[in-house]
C-alpha atoms as a PDB file:
ATOM      1  CA  MET A   1      33.447 139.342  64.498  1.00  0.00           C
ATOM      2  CA  THR A   2      36.677 140.623  64.801  1.00  0.00           C
ATOM      3  CA  GLU A   3      39.545 139.205  63.916  1.00  0.00           C
ATOM      4  CA  VAL A   4      42.524 139.560  66.580  1.00  0.00           C
ATOM      5  CA  ARG A   5      46.170 137.910  66.020  1.00  0.00           C
ATOM      6  CA  GLY A   6      44.322 135.615  63.545  1.00  0.00           C
ATOM      7  CA  LEU A   7      41.195 135.035  66.426  1.00  0.00           C
ATOM      8  CA  SER A   8      38.347 135.385  65.608  1.00  0.00           C
ATOM      9  CA  LEU A   9      36.565 137.307  68.077  1.00  0.00           C
ATOM     10  CA  SER A  10      32.940 138.557  69.078  1.00  0.00           C
ATOM     11  CA  PRO A  11      32.990 142.227  68.920  1.00  0.00           C
ATOM     12  CA  VAL A  12      33.080 143.873  72.415  1.00  0.00           C
ATOM     13  CA  VAL A  13      30.204 145.241  74.311  1.00  0.00           C
ATOM     14  CA  LEU A  14      30.842 147.513  76.942  1.00  0.00           C
ATOM     15  CA  PRO A  15      28.893 147.914  80.106  1.00  0.00           C
ATOM     16  CA  GLU A  16      26.720 150.921  79.993  1.00  0.00           C
ATOM     17  CA  VAL A  17      27.660 153.939  82.218  1.00  0.00           C
ATOM     18  CA  ARG A  18      26.091 157.144  82.988  1.00  0.00           C
ATOM     19  CA  ARG A  19      27.575 159.728  81.387  1.00  0.00           C
ATOM     20  CA  GLU A  20      26.920 162.362  84.526  1.00  0.00           C
ATOM     21  CA  ALA A  21      28.686 160.183  87.071  1.00  0.00           C
ATOM     22  CA  GLY A  22      31.180 161.690  88.973  1.00  0.00           C
ATOM     23  CA  VAL A  23      34.264 160.100  88.824  1.00  0.00           C
ATOM     24  CA  GLU A  24      37.736 159.787  90.836  1.00  0.00           C
ATOM     25  CA  LEU A  25      41.450 158.794  89.346  1.00  0.00           C
ATOM     26  CA  ARG A  26      42.668 156.326  92.216  1.00  0.00           C
ATOM     27  CA  LYS A  27      45.998 153.467  91.172  1.00  0.00           C
ATOM     28  CA  ALA A  28      44.394 150.197  89.266  1.00  0.00           C
ATOM     29  CA  ARG A  29      44.204 147.154  91.629  1.00  0.00           C
ATOM     30  CA  LEU A  30      44.406 143.465  90.114  1.00  0.00           C
ATOM     31  CA  GLU A  31      40.472 143.831  90.686  1.00  0.00           C
ATOM     32  CA  ASP A  32      40.492 146.084  87.456  1.00  0.00           C
ATOM     33  CA  VAL A  33      42.241 144.051  84.807  1.00  0.00           C
ATOM     34  CA  ASP A  34      38.932 142.608  82.811  1.00  0.00           C
ATOM     35  CA  ALA A  35      37.401 145.546  82.965  1.00  0.00           C
ATOM     36  CA  ILE A  36      40.759 147.573  81.862  1.00  0.00           C
ATOM     37  CA  TYR A  37      41.280 144.620  79.109  1.00  0.00           C
ATOM     38  CA  TRP A  38      37.925 145.221  77.350  1.00  0.00           C
ATOM     39  CA  LEU A  39      38.321 149.081  77.061  1.00  0.00           C
ATOM     40  CA  ILE A  40      41.168 148.773  75.624  1.00  0.00           C
ATOM     41  CA  ARG A  41      40.346 145.931  73.359  1.00  0.00           C
ATOM     42  CA  TYR A  42      36.952 147.649  72.692  1.00  0.00           C
ATOM     43  CA  TRP A  43      39.311 150.559  71.400  1.00  0.00           C
ATOM     44  CA  ALA A  44      42.028 147.992  69.766  1.00  0.00           C
ATOM     45  CA  GLU A  45      39.208 146.638  67.817  1.00  0.00           C
ATOM     46  CA  LYS A  46      38.315 149.790  65.707  1.00  0.00           C
ATOM     47  CA  GLY A  47      42.116 150.021  65.273  1.00  0.00           C
ATOM     48  CA  LEU A  48      42.752 153.479  67.139  1.00  0.00           C
ATOM     49  CA  MET A  49      45.359 151.327  69.910  1.00  0.00           C
ATOM     50  CA  LEU A  50      47.063 147.852  70.608  1.00  0.00           C
ATOM     51  CA  VAL A  51      45.315 145.422  72.216  1.00  0.00           C
ATOM     52  CA  ARG A  52      46.905 144.159  75.778  1.00  0.00           C
ATOM     53  CA  SER A  53      46.879 140.579  76.652  1.00  0.00           C
ATOM     54  CA  HIS A  54      45.148 140.075  80.717  1.00  0.00           C
ATOM     55  CA  SER A  55      48.841 138.939  81.022  1.00  0.00           C
ATOM     56  CA  HIS A  56      50.125 141.872  80.045  1.00  0.00           C
ATOM     57  CA  LEU A  57      48.034 143.969  82.333  1.00  0.00           C
ATOM     58  CA  TYR A  58      48.850 141.940  85.518  1.00  0.00           C
ATOM     59  CA  GLU A  59      52.348 142.163  84.902  1.00  0.00           C
ATOM     60  CA  ASN A  60      51.879 146.065  84.605  1.00  0.00           C
ATOM     61  CA  ILE A  61      49.107 146.717  87.035  1.00  0.00           C
ATOM     62  CA  ARG A  62      51.327 149.348  89.076  1.00  0.00           C
ATOM     63  CA  ASP A  63      51.426 151.469  85.620  1.00  0.00           C
ATOM     64  CA  PHE A  64      48.303 151.779  85.438  1.00  0.00           C
ATOM     65  CA  TRP A  65      45.465 154.745  86.684  1.00  0.00           C
ATOM     66  CA  VAL A  66      42.207 153.958  86.307  1.00  0.00           C
ATOM     67  CA  LEU A  67      38.964 156.300  86.276  1.00  0.00           C
ATOM     68  CA  GLU A  68      36.341 154.559  88.323  1.00  0.00           C
ATOM     69  CA  ASP A  69      32.601 156.487  88.009  1.00  0.00           C
ATOM     70  CA  GLU A  70      30.630 156.389  91.212  1.00  0.00           C
ATOM     71  CA  ASP A  71      28.896 153.598  89.971  1.00  0.00           C
ATOM     72  CA  GLY A  72      31.965 151.305  90.715  1.00  0.00           C
ATOM     73  CA  GLN A  73      32.534 151.295  87.168  1.00  0.00           C
ATOM     74  CA  ILE A  74      35.860 151.845  85.317  1.00  0.00           C
ATOM     75  CA  VAL A  75      35.286 154.421  82.175  1.00  0.00           C
ATOM     76  CA  GLY A  76      39.177 155.276  81.627  1.00  0.00           C
ATOM     77  CA  THR A  77      42.995 153.861  81.742  1.00  0.00           C
ATOM     78  CA  VAL A  78      46.345 155.453  81.271  1.00  0.00           C
ATOM     79  CA  ALA A  79      49.626 153.687  81.904  1.00  0.00           C
ATOM     80  CA  LEU A  80      53.116 155.355  82.601  1.00  0.00           C
ATOM     81  CA  HIS A  81      55.359 152.763  81.657  1.00  0.00           C
ATOM     82  CA  VAL A  82      58.825 153.996  82.860  1.00  0.00           C
ATOM     83  CA  LEU A  83      62.054 152.677  80.551  1.00  0.00           C
ATOM     84  CA  TRP A  84      64.960 154.628  81.785  1.00  0.00           C
ATOM     85  CA  ARG A  85      66.156 157.301  84.207  1.00  0.00           C
ATOM     86  CA  ASP A  86      65.017 159.927  81.856  1.00  0.00           C
ATOM     87  CA  LEU A  87      62.023 158.769  79.905  1.00  0.00           C
ATOM     88  CA  ALA A  88      58.869 157.078  80.745  1.00  0.00           C
ATOM     89  CA  GLU A  89      55.649 156.389  77.985  1.00  0.00           C
ATOM     90  CA  ILE A  90      52.087 157.146  77.975  1.00  0.00           C
ATOM     91  CA  ARG A  91      50.112 154.317  77.098  1.00  0.00           C
ATOM     92  CA  GLY A  92      47.423 152.144  77.370  1.00  0.00           C
ATOM     93  CA  LEU A  93      45.141 155.706  76.922  1.00  0.00           C
ATOM     94  CA  ALA A  94      41.452 154.387  76.627  1.00  0.00           C
ATOM     95  CA  VAL A  95      38.013 156.045  78.340  1.00  0.00           C
ATOM     96  CA  HIS A  96      34.912 154.309  78.041  1.00  0.00           C
ATOM     97  CA  PRO A  97      32.779 155.516  74.297  1.00  0.00           C
ATOM     98  CA  THR A  98      30.240 156.777  76.361  1.00  0.00           C
ATOM     99  CA  ARG A  99      31.717 159.144  78.158  1.00  0.00           C
ATOM    100  CA  GLN A 100      33.651 160.797  75.471  1.00  0.00           C
ATOM    101  CA  GLY A 101      34.594 164.502  75.338  1.00  0.00           C
ATOM    102  CA  GLN A 102      33.857 165.430  78.545  1.00  0.00           C
ATOM    103  CA  GLY A 103      37.724 166.016  79.548  1.00  0.00           C
ATOM    104  CA  LEU A 104      38.805 161.950  80.741  1.00  0.00           C
ATOM    105  CA  GLY A 105      41.519 161.284  78.725  1.00  0.00           C
ATOM    106  CA  ARG A 106      43.079 165.313  79.692  1.00  0.00           C
ATOM    107  CA  TRP A 107      42.892 164.030  83.400  1.00  0.00           C
ATOM    108  CA  LEU A 108      44.410 160.923  83.094  1.00  0.00           C
ATOM    109  CA  VAL A 109      47.733 161.779  81.112  1.00  0.00           C
ATOM    110  CA  LEU A 110      48.375 164.778  83.408  1.00  0.00           C
ATOM    111  CA  GLY A 111      47.473 162.188  86.911  1.00  0.00           C
ATOM    112  CA  ALA A 112      50.025 160.186  84.446  1.00  0.00           C
ATOM    113  CA  GLU A 113      52.326 163.244  84.146  1.00  0.00           C
ATOM    114  CA  ARG A 114      52.307 164.512  87.533  1.00  0.00           C
ATOM    115  CA  GLU A 115      54.231 160.559  88.757  1.00  0.00           C
ATOM    116  CA  ALA A 116      56.271 160.994  86.032  1.00  0.00           C
ATOM    117  CA  ARG A 117      57.761 164.627  87.529  1.00  0.00           C
ATOM    118  CA  ASP A 118      56.676 163.189  90.715  1.00  0.00           C
ATOM    119  CA  LEU A 119      59.412 160.259  89.873  1.00  0.00           C
ATOM    120  CA  GLY A 120      61.782 162.608  88.600  1.00  0.00           C
ATOM    121  CA  LEU A 121      61.430 161.887  84.688  1.00  0.00           C
ATOM    122  CA  PRO A 122      62.984 164.607  82.695  1.00  0.00           C
ATOM    123  CA  ARG A 123      60.439 163.863  79.586  1.00  0.00           C
ATOM    124  CA  VAL A 124      57.366 161.576  78.414  1.00  0.00           C
ATOM    125  CA  PHE A 125      56.189 160.344  75.067  1.00  0.00           C
ATOM    126  CA  ALA A 126      53.386 158.384  73.108  1.00  0.00           C
ATOM    127  CA  TRP A 127      52.511 156.480  69.959  1.00  0.00           C
ATOM    128  CA  THR A 128      49.162 158.053  69.320  1.00  0.00           C
ATOM    129  CA  LEU A 129      46.554 158.467  66.330  1.00  0.00           C
ATOM    130  CA  GLN A 130      45.194 161.355  68.395  1.00  0.00           C
ATOM    131  CA  VAL A 131      47.966 164.131  67.249  1.00  0.00           C
ATOM    132  CA  ASN A 132      45.328 166.886  68.657  1.00  0.00           C
ATOM    133  CA  PHE A 133      44.310 165.667  71.632  1.00  0.00           C
ATOM    134  CA  PHE A 134      48.606 165.022  72.886  1.00  0.00           C
ATOM    135  CA  ARG A 135      49.329 168.625  70.830  1.00  0.00           C
ATOM    136  CA  ALA A 136      46.826 170.287  73.103  1.00  0.00           C
ATOM    137  CA  LEU A 137      49.021 169.071  76.484  1.00  0.00           C
ATOM    138  CA  GLY A 138      51.794 170.290  75.311  1.00  0.00           C
ATOM    139  CA  TYR A 139      53.275 167.458  73.031  1.00  0.00           C
ATOM    140  CA  ARG A 140      55.080 167.749  70.119  1.00  0.00           C
ATOM    141  CA  VAL A 141      55.585 165.195  67.440  1.00  0.00           C
ATOM    142  CA  THR A 142      59.310 164.425  66.951  1.00  0.00           C
ATOM    143  CA  SER A 143      60.550 161.646  64.847  1.00  0.00           C
ATOM    144  CA  ARG A 144      60.633 158.174  65.893  1.00  0.00           C
ATOM    145  CA  GLU A 145      64.540 158.106  65.111  1.00  0.00           C
ATOM    146  CA  ALA A 146      64.786 160.832  67.644  1.00  0.00           C
ATOM    147  CA  LEU A 147      63.732 158.351  70.272  1.00  0.00           C
ATOM    148  CA  PRO A 148      65.978 156.082  72.550  1.00  0.00           C
ATOM    149  CA  PRO A 149      66.454 152.295  70.926  1.00  0.00           C
ATOM    150  CA  LYS A 150      64.537 151.539  73.930  1.00  0.00           C
ATOM    151  CA  VAL A 151      60.978 152.695  72.992  1.00  0.00           C
ATOM    152  CA  TRP A 152      60.903 150.312  70.460  1.00  0.00           C
ATOM    153  CA  SER A 153      61.143 147.372  72.598  1.00  0.00           C
ATOM    154  CA  GLU A 154      57.781 146.399  71.723  1.00  0.00           C
ATOM    155  CA  CYS A 155      57.636 146.786  68.460  1.00  0.00           C
ATOM    156  CA  ASN A 156      59.243 144.160  67.137  1.00  0.00           C
ATOM    157  CA  ALA A 157      55.702 142.096  68.781  1.00  0.00           C
ATOM    158  CA  CYS A 158      53.229 143.802  67.649  1.00  0.00           C
ATOM    159  CA  PRO A 159      51.002 142.852  64.219  1.00  0.00           C
ATOM    160  CA  PHE A 160      51.132 146.572  62.815  1.00  0.00           C
ATOM    161  CA  TYR A 161      55.035 146.820  63.244  1.00  0.00           C
ATOM    162  CA  GLU A 162      55.354 147.056  59.237  1.00  0.00           C
ATOM    163  CA  ASN A 163      51.655 149.165  58.615  1.00  0.00           C
ATOM    164  CA  CYS A 164      52.764 151.463  62.469  1.00  0.00           C
ATOM    165  CA  ARG A 165      50.569 153.960  61.455  1.00  0.00           C
ATOM    166  CA  GLU A 166      51.107 155.510  65.084  1.00  0.00           C
ATOM    167  CA  ILE A 167      52.885 159.477  65.630  1.00  0.00           C
ATOM    168  CA  ALA A 168      55.629 159.838  68.498  1.00  0.00           C
ATOM    169  CA  VAL A 169      55.020 162.428  70.622  1.00  0.00           C
ATOM    170  CA  VAL A 170      57.072 164.023  73.365  1.00  0.00           C
ATOM    171  CA  LYS A 171      56.435 166.285  76.218  1.00  0.00           C
ATOM    172  CA  GLU A 172      59.967 167.627  78.252  1.00  0.00           C
ATOM    173  CA  PHE A 173      58.835 169.228  81.712  1.00  0.00           C
ATOM    174  CA  SER A 174      60.958 171.875  83.286  1.00  0.00           C
ATOM    175  CA  PRO A 175      63.309 171.556  85.699  1.00  0.00           C
ATOM    176  CA  GLY A 176      61.750 171.939  89.272  1.00  0.00           C
ATOM    177  CA  ALA A 177      58.136 171.281  87.418  1.00  0.00           C
ATOM    178  CA  SER A 178      55.387 169.959  90.027  1.00  0.00           C
ATOM    179  CA  GLY A 179      52.369 168.286  88.876  1.00  0.00           C
ATOM    180  CA  GLY A 180      49.906 169.618  86.800  1.00  0.00           C
END
C-alpha cells in the first residue's frame, strides 16, 4: 500500500504498452483524463512528481498535451500552464516507464515550448528533480527567489512544502524564435 495525503492506496499498475509502437503528439481531450491521472500518479507514488486530482486535470485539460501510441494508449503527458503574460510553467511531465529513454519526454517538452512561443511567451520554467534532463534542453538552474511570487500559488497546498526537493529551471526564448 502507498500513502498519499493520508490515504492508503494500492500501487498503480499501468496498462502494458508496446515499446516499439509509433506515437502521435496531440492536445489532450476529456477522454484522456483517466490515463493522464494514472500516469502522473504512478510517478507521484515514487516521489518523483506531484499527484494531480481528477478535478485538477479536468479544470486544466486545455493545458495538457499527450503522446498517444498507435494502439490508443497514452504513453506520455505534459502541460503548459500560463501564469502571466511573460511566464508559463512546464508541468505534469510523465512518460510511461516502458517508453523511457526513447526521447518522448524531450518531444513533449519541445511541444509545450512551441506552444509557449506561439503564444508569445518569452520564458518558461519548471520545478524538477530531473535537472540534467532539462539542462540538455537548454534550461538553466535558477533560484526560487528569482521567480515571481505568482509561481508559488500552489506551493502552500503541496504536501512537500516544508521539505521541497524540487529545483527551479528556466528557459528564455530568443525574440522572434519560432517553435523547435
